[in-house]
C-alpha atoms as a PDB file:
ATOM      1  CA  SER A   1     -39.368 -49.831  44.538  1.00  0.00           C
ATOM      2  CA  GLU A   2     -37.137 -51.370  47.218  1.00  0.00           C
ATOM      3  CA  CYS A   3     -40.049 -51.258  49.661  1.00  0.00           C
ATOM      4  CA  VAL A   4     -42.363 -52.986  47.186  1.00  0.00           C
ATOM      5  CA  THR A   5     -39.746 -55.646  46.408  1.00  0.00           C
ATOM      6  CA  GLN A   6     -39.434 -56.487  50.100  1.00  0.00           C
ATOM      7  CA  VAL A   7     -43.195 -56.615  50.658  1.00  0.00           C
ATOM      8  CA  PHE A   8     -43.982 -58.538  47.448  1.00  0.00           C
ATOM      9  CA  PRO A   9     -40.883 -60.703  46.781  1.00  0.00           C
ATOM     10  CA  HIS A  10     -42.817 -63.091  44.485  1.00  0.00           C
ATOM     11  CA  MET A  11     -43.361 -60.355  41.905  1.00  0.00           C
ATOM     12  CA  GLU A  12     -40.515 -60.147  39.405  1.00  0.00           C
ATOM     13  CA  ARG A  13     -39.752 -57.827  36.494  1.00  0.00           C
ATOM     14  CA  LEU A  14     -42.576 -55.500  37.353  1.00  0.00           C
ATOM     15  CA  GLU A  15     -42.089 -51.801  36.799  1.00  0.00           C
ATOM     16  CA  TRP A  16     -43.414 -49.865  39.786  1.00  0.00           C
ATOM     17  CA  GLU A  17     -44.082 -46.201  39.108  1.00  0.00           C
ATOM     18  CA  GLN A  18     -44.041 -43.635  41.912  1.00  0.00           C
ATOM     19  CA  MET A  19     -47.845 -43.299  41.753  1.00  0.00           C
ATOM     20  CA  SER A  20     -48.240 -47.035  42.378  1.00  0.00           C
ATOM     21  CA  LEU A  21     -45.996 -46.880  45.398  1.00  0.00           C
ATOM     22  CA  ASN A  22     -47.825 -43.804  46.668  1.00  0.00           C
ATOM     23  CA  HIS A  23     -51.127 -45.674  46.365  1.00  0.00           C
ATOM     24  CA  ILE A  24     -49.774 -48.586  48.421  1.00  0.00           C
ATOM     25  CA  LEU A  25     -48.432 -46.292  51.137  1.00  0.00           C
ATOM     26  CA  ALA A  26     -51.717 -44.357  51.235  1.00  0.00           C
ATOM     27  CA  ARG A  27     -53.650 -47.623  51.572  1.00  0.00           C
ATOM     28  CA  ILE A  28     -51.444 -48.699  54.483  1.00  0.00           C
ATOM     29  CA  ARG A  29     -51.981 -45.350  56.191  1.00  0.00           C
ATOM     30  CA  ASP A  30     -55.752 -45.525  55.728  1.00  0.00           C
ATOM     31  CA  GLU A  31     -55.921 -49.080  57.082  1.00  0.00           C
ATOM     32  CA  VAL A  32     -53.987 -48.089  60.196  1.00  0.00           C
ATOM     33  CA  LEU A  33     -56.021 -44.921  60.812  1.00  0.00           C
ATOM     34  CA  ASP A  34     -59.339 -46.744  60.241  1.00  0.00           C
ATOM     35  CA  GLY A  35     -58.243 -49.421  62.680  1.00  0.00           C
ATOM     36  CA  LYS A  36     -57.348 -46.869  65.340  1.00  0.00           C
ATOM     37  CA  ALA A  37     -60.688 -45.115  64.864  1.00  0.00           C
ATOM     38  CA  SER A  38     -62.575 -48.382  65.437  1.00  0.00           C
ATOM     39  CA  GLY A  39     -60.368 -49.464  68.323  1.00  0.00           C
ATOM     40  CA  GLU A  40     -58.775 -52.340  66.406  1.00  0.00           C
ATOM     41  CA  GLU A  41     -55.068 -53.043  66.225  1.00  0.00           C
ATOM     42  CA  VAL A  42     -53.897 -53.317  62.621  1.00  0.00           C
ATOM     43  CA  GLN A  43     -50.667 -55.112  61.759  1.00  0.00           C
ATOM     44  CA  ALA A  44     -49.169 -53.146  58.894  1.00  0.00           C
ATOM     45  CA  VAL A  45     -45.937 -51.806  57.491  1.00  0.00           C
ATOM     46  CA  LYS A  46     -44.905 -48.692  59.410  1.00  0.00           C
ATOM     47  CA  TRP A  47     -43.583 -45.900  57.227  1.00  0.00           C
ATOM     48  CA  ALA A  48     -42.575 -42.318  57.791  1.00  0.00           C
ATOM     49  CA  LEU A  49     -41.143 -39.368  55.899  1.00  0.00           C
ATOM     50  CA  TYR A  50     -38.075 -37.438  56.974  1.00  0.00           C
ATOM     51  CA  ASN A  51     -38.176 -33.706  57.514  1.00  0.00           C
ATOM     52  CA  PRO A  52     -37.148 -32.261  54.090  1.00  0.00           C
ATOM     53  CA  LEU A  53     -34.752 -29.880  55.856  1.00  0.00           C
ATOM     54  CA  LEU A  54     -32.802 -32.916  57.119  1.00  0.00           C
ATOM     55  CA  ALA A  55     -33.058 -35.472  54.321  1.00  0.00           C
ATOM     56  CA  TYR A  56     -34.071 -34.645  50.768  1.00  0.00           C
ATOM     57  CA  THR A  57     -33.665 -35.494  47.094  1.00  0.00           C
ATOM     58  CA  GLY A  58     -32.821 -33.056  44.321  1.00  0.00           C
ATOM     59  CA  MET A  59     -30.193 -30.997  42.551  1.00  0.00           C
ATOM     60  CA  PHE A  60     -30.270 -28.187  45.108  1.00  0.00           C
ATOM     61  CA  LEU A  61     -29.437 -27.249  48.688  1.00  0.00           C
ATOM     62  CA  THR A  62     -31.989 -26.475  51.355  1.00  0.00           C
ATOM     63  CA  HIS A  63     -31.308 -23.380  53.442  1.00  0.00           C
ATOM     64  CA  ALA A  64     -30.557 -25.746  56.363  1.00  0.00           C
ATOM     65  CA  VAL A  65     -27.119 -26.649  54.990  1.00  0.00           C
ATOM     66  CA  LEU A  66     -25.610 -27.232  58.440  1.00  0.00           C
ATOM     67  CA  SER A  67     -28.464 -29.531  59.532  1.00  0.00           C
ATOM     68  CA  ALA A  68     -28.949 -31.710  56.441  1.00  0.00           C
ATOM     69  CA  THR A  69     -28.053 -35.332  57.208  1.00  0.00           C
ATOM     70  CA  LEU A  70     -28.821 -36.900  53.830  1.00  0.00           C
ATOM     71  CA  HIS A  71     -28.751 -35.329  50.372  1.00  0.00           C
ATOM     72  CA  HIS A  72     -29.562 -37.559  47.407  1.00  0.00           C
ATOM     73  CA  ALA A  73     -28.437 -35.427  44.481  1.00  0.00           C
ATOM     74  CA  THR A  74     -30.522 -36.712  41.610  1.00  0.00           C
ATOM     75  CA  LEU A  75     -32.993 -35.644  38.971  1.00  0.00           C
ATOM     76  CA  SER A  76     -34.497 -37.598  36.085  1.00  0.00           C
ATOM     77  CA  SER A  77     -32.761 -35.333  33.563  1.00  0.00           C
ATOM     78  CA  ALA A  78     -29.486 -34.888  35.471  1.00  0.00           C
ATOM     79  CA  LYS A  79     -26.259 -36.309  34.086  1.00  0.00           C
ATOM     80  CA  LEU A  80     -23.833 -38.139  36.354  1.00  0.00           C
ATOM     81  CA  ARG A  81     -21.058 -35.576  35.883  1.00  0.00           C
ATOM     82  CA  ASN A  82     -23.412 -32.785  37.035  1.00  0.00           C
ATOM     83  CA  LYS A  83     -24.490 -34.789  40.069  1.00  0.00           C
ATOM     84  CA  ILE A  84     -20.840 -35.186  41.028  1.00  0.00           C
ATOM     85  CA  ARG A  85     -20.098 -31.488  40.407  1.00  0.00           C
ATOM     86  CA  LEU A  86     -23.075 -30.474  42.539  1.00  0.00           C
ATOM     87  CA  MET A  87     -22.046 -32.710  45.438  1.00  0.00           C
ATOM     88  CA  ASP A  88     -18.441 -31.505  45.246  1.00  0.00           C
ATOM     89  CA  ALA A  89     -19.640 -27.892  45.344  1.00  0.00           C
ATOM     90  CA  ALA A  90     -22.114 -28.678  48.153  1.00  0.00           C
ATOM     91  CA  THR A  91     -19.306 -30.267  50.183  1.00  0.00           C
ATOM     92  CA  VAL A  92     -17.163 -27.142  49.797  1.00  0.00           C
ATOM     93  CA  PHE A  93     -20.140 -24.886  50.570  1.00  0.00           C
ATOM     94  CA  ARG A  94     -20.899 -26.777  53.781  1.00  0.00           C
ATOM     95  CA  SER A  95     -17.269 -27.026  54.886  1.00  0.00           C
ATOM     96  CA  ASP A  96     -16.894 -23.258  54.412  1.00  0.00           C
ATOM     97  CA  LEU A  97     -19.914 -22.647  56.631  1.00  0.00           C
ATOM     98  CA  GLN A  98     -18.674 -25.100  59.251  1.00  0.00           C
ATOM     99  CA  GLU A  99     -15.350 -23.276  59.365  1.00  0.00           C
ATOM    100  CA  LEU A 100     -17.182 -19.977  59.819  1.00  0.00           C
ATOM    101  CA  CYS A 101     -19.530 -21.453  62.441  1.00  0.00           C
ATOM    102  CA  PRO A 102     -17.234 -23.565  64.666  1.00  0.00           C
ATOM    103  CA  LEU A 103     -19.663 -23.685  67.603  1.00  0.00           C
ATOM    104  CA  ILE A 104     -22.336 -25.493  65.559  1.00  0.00           C
ATOM    105  CA  GLY A 105     -22.074 -29.230  66.127  1.00  0.00           C
ATOM    106  CA  PRO A 106     -23.957 -32.320  64.913  1.00  0.00           C
ATOM    107  CA  HIS A 107     -27.763 -32.151  64.772  1.00  0.00           C
ATOM    108  CA  SER A 108     -27.752 -28.345  65.169  1.00  0.00           C
ATOM    109  CA  SER A 109     -26.281 -28.549  68.663  1.00  0.00           C
ATOM    110  CA  LEU A 110     -23.841 -26.077  70.208  1.00  0.00           C
ATOM    111  CA  ARG A 111     -20.442 -27.620  70.897  1.00  0.00           C
ATOM    112  CA  VAL A 112     -19.811 -25.202  73.757  1.00  0.00           C
ATOM    113  CA  PRO A 113     -21.948 -22.416  75.277  1.00  0.00           C
ATOM    114  CA  GLY A 114     -21.232 -19.045  73.777  1.00  0.00           C
ATOM    115  CA  PRO A 115     -22.284 -16.574  71.103  1.00  0.00           C
ATOM    116  CA  GLU A 116     -22.097 -17.623  67.470  1.00  0.00           C
ATOM    117  CA  ARG A 117     -22.302 -15.466  64.349  1.00  0.00           C
ATOM    118  CA  GLU A 118     -25.933 -14.550  63.737  1.00  0.00           C
ATOM    119  CA  TYR A 119     -26.017 -15.847  60.178  1.00  0.00           C
ATOM    120  CA  CYS A 120     -24.959 -19.327  61.359  1.00  0.00           C
ATOM    121  CA  TYR A 121     -28.419 -19.930  62.796  1.00  0.00           C
ATOM    122  CA  PHE A 122     -29.990 -19.121  59.433  1.00  0.00           C
ATOM    123  CA  PHE A 123     -28.380 -22.246  57.946  1.00  0.00           C
ATOM    124  CA  LEU A 124     -29.851 -24.578  60.574  1.00  0.00           C
ATOM    125  CA  GLY A 125     -33.054 -26.583  60.365  1.00  0.00           C
ATOM    126  CA  GLU A 126     -33.191 -26.483  64.154  1.00  0.00           C
ATOM    127  CA  ASP A 127     -32.226 -23.547  66.350  1.00  0.00           C
ATOM    128  CA  PRO A 128     -30.380 -24.966  69.406  1.00  0.00           C
ATOM    129  CA  HIS A 129     -32.186 -22.426  71.591  1.00  0.00           C
ATOM    130  CA  PHE A 130     -35.759 -22.940  70.384  1.00  0.00           C
ATOM    131  CA  GLY A 131     -35.931 -26.399  68.859  1.00  0.00           C
ATOM    132  CA  PRO A 132     -36.763 -27.615  65.336  1.00  0.00           C
ATOM    133  CA  LEU A 133     -38.889 -25.796  62.805  1.00  0.00           C
ATOM    134  CA  PHE A 134     -40.544 -29.148  62.027  1.00  0.00           C
ATOM    135  CA  GLU A 135     -40.459 -32.547  63.716  1.00  0.00           C
ATOM    136  CA  PRO A 136     -37.629 -34.786  62.359  1.00  0.00           C
ATOM    137  CA  SER A 137     -40.120 -37.223  60.782  1.00  0.00           C
ATOM    138  CA  ARG A 138     -43.850 -37.868  60.425  1.00  0.00           C
ATOM    139  CA  VAL A 139     -45.340 -41.348  60.699  1.00  0.00           C
ATOM    140  CA  TYR A 140     -48.031 -41.991  58.054  1.00  0.00           C
ATOM    141  CA  ARG A 141     -47.983 -38.295  57.164  1.00  0.00           C
ATOM    142  CA  HIS A 142     -46.148 -36.108  54.696  1.00  0.00           C
ATOM    143  CA  TYR A 143     -44.863 -32.554  54.461  1.00  0.00           C
ATOM    144  CA  ASN A 144     -46.929 -30.354  52.157  1.00  0.00           C
ATOM    145  CA  GLU A 145     -47.407 -26.853  50.775  1.00  0.00           C
ATOM    146  CA  ASP A 146     -48.523 -25.552  54.169  1.00  0.00           C
ATOM    147  CA  ASP A 147     -45.090 -26.493  55.499  1.00  0.00           C
ATOM    148  CA  ASN A 148     -43.470 -24.641  52.592  1.00  0.00           C
ATOM    149  CA  VAL A 149     -45.385 -21.521  53.630  1.00  0.00           C
ATOM    150  CA  VAL A 150     -43.982 -21.881  57.160  1.00  0.00           C
ATOM    151  CA  ILE A 151     -40.451 -22.217  55.758  1.00  0.00           C
ATOM    152  CA  HIS A 152     -40.830 -19.196  53.436  1.00  0.00           C
ATOM    153  CA  ARG A 153     -42.179 -17.082  56.284  1.00  0.00           C
ATOM    154  CA  PHE A 154     -39.286 -18.200  58.480  1.00  0.00           C
ATOM    155  CA  LEU A 155     -36.740 -17.344  55.786  1.00  0.00           C
ATOM    156  CA  SER A 156     -38.324 -13.968  55.083  1.00  0.00           C
ATOM    157  CA  ASP A 157     -38.277 -13.020  58.742  1.00  0.00           C
ATOM    158  CA  LYS A 158     -34.718 -14.219  59.207  1.00  0.00           C
ATOM    159  CA  SER A 159     -33.313 -12.559  56.110  1.00  0.00           C
ATOM    160  CA  ASP A 160     -35.088  -9.217  56.487  1.00  0.00           C
ATOM    161  CA  GLY A 161     -32.437  -6.595  55.739  1.00  0.00           C
ATOM    162  CA  ARG A 162     -29.787  -9.299  55.301  1.00  0.00           C
ATOM    163  CA  LYS A 163     -30.593 -10.709  51.890  1.00  0.00           C
ATOM    164  CA  ALA A 164     -27.121 -12.110  51.417  1.00  0.00           C
ATOM    165  CA  TRP A 165     -28.094 -15.047  53.590  1.00  0.00           C
ATOM    166  CA  ILE A 166     -31.035 -16.290  51.553  1.00  0.00           C
ATOM    167  CA  TYR A 167     -29.646 -15.304  48.145  1.00  0.00           C
ATOM    168  CA  LEU A 168     -26.438 -17.179  48.799  1.00  0.00           C
ATOM    169  CA  VAL A 169     -28.372 -20.470  48.716  1.00  0.00           C
ATOM    170  CA  LEU A 170     -30.709 -19.303  45.934  1.00  0.00           C
ATOM    171  CA  ALA A 171     -27.757 -18.312  43.738  1.00  0.00           C
ATOM    172  CA  PHE A 172     -26.123 -21.672  44.416  1.00  0.00           C
ATOM    173  CA  ASN A 173     -29.306 -23.516  43.387  1.00  0.00           C
ATOM    174  CA  ALA A 174     -29.833 -21.336  40.309  1.00  0.00           C
ATOM    175  CA  GLY A 175     -26.660 -22.741  38.759  1.00  0.00           C
ATOM    176  CA  GLY A 176     -23.975 -21.112  40.869  1.00  0.00           C
ATOM    177  CA  TRP A 177     -22.892 -24.580  42.005  1.00  0.00           C
ATOM    178  CA  LYS A 178     -21.388 -25.151  38.544  1.00  0.00           C
ATOM    179  CA  HIS A 179     -18.671 -22.582  39.256  1.00  0.00           C
ATOM    180  CA  TRP A 180     -18.778 -22.429  43.047  1.00  0.00           C
ATOM    181  CA  LYS A 181     -15.335 -23.907  43.640  1.00  0.00           C
ATOM    182  CA  ALA A 182     -13.746 -21.298  41.372  1.00  0.00           C
ATOM    183  CA  LYS A 183     -15.774 -18.347  42.659  1.00  0.00           C
ATOM    184  CA  ARG A 184     -15.009 -18.990  46.294  1.00  0.00           C
ATOM    185  CA  ARG A 185     -11.369 -18.077  45.548  1.00  0.00           C
ATOM    186  CA  ASN A 186     -10.062 -21.001  47.595  1.00  0.00           C
ATOM    187  CA  SER A 187     -10.839 -19.056  50.754  1.00  0.00           C
ATOM    188  CA  THR A 188     -13.704 -18.738  53.225  1.00  0.00           C
ATOM    189  CA  ARG A 189     -12.819 -15.069  53.822  1.00  0.00           C
ATOM    190  CA  TYR A 190     -14.862 -13.991  50.778  1.00  0.00           C
ATOM    191  CA  LEU A 191     -17.907 -15.906  52.045  1.00  0.00           C
ATOM    192  CA  ASP A 192     -17.514 -14.486  55.540  1.00  0.00           C
ATOM    193  CA  GLU A 193     -17.254 -10.910  54.241  1.00  0.00           C
ATOM    194  CA  MET A 194     -20.291 -11.322  52.005  1.00  0.00           C
ATOM    195  CA  LEU A 195     -22.430 -12.763  54.793  1.00  0.00           C
ATOM    196  CA  SER A 196     -21.334 -10.193  57.345  1.00  0.00           C
ATOM    197  CA  ALA A 197     -21.986  -7.276  54.978  1.00  0.00           C
ATOM    198  CA  GLY A 198     -25.675  -8.152  54.741  1.00  0.00           C
ATOM    199  CA  ALA A 199     -26.014  -7.345  51.060  1.00  0.00           C
ATOM    200  CA  TYR A 200     -25.715  -9.559  48.001  1.00  0.00           C
END
């Protein structure tokens, strides 16, 4: 709605549903692509979508906990107190992983050359050795179900025989965040032992 307000400032007190905004963005994309196809230069709003492993909305964590740069914890049915509890638990979850993976720096980089625990790379959206799973953003394009298939295949391959890694995030998202701060026993040792054991 902020985008629409900026583009159409003369319109006041108009409720813009998500479908309306999607239609406008799709129209912009089509105009630009049609112009490129005909060799014309079209002056239009430029929009893009962030990689959902880096910036996302919802009452859950992505597996790329150490790479996420923006998490908007919201849901139409979510209450404010639960949003706050989720973000508090997510902060603890991430800080625990950062303590266990000290070589992982900003944007999935390695602070210093050297071996890191294997499971640390599972929680990245971008492996510092091989690059990102997806590009950071897509101009006039979105991420779809095909991308989800790529992510699921990646997770399955990574967690083969080490299900603790994937189930740790799944359990958190399934409601474990409500009691995460208590279950972690005020220590990262429990998390480290569970991840290293390779069984959940």
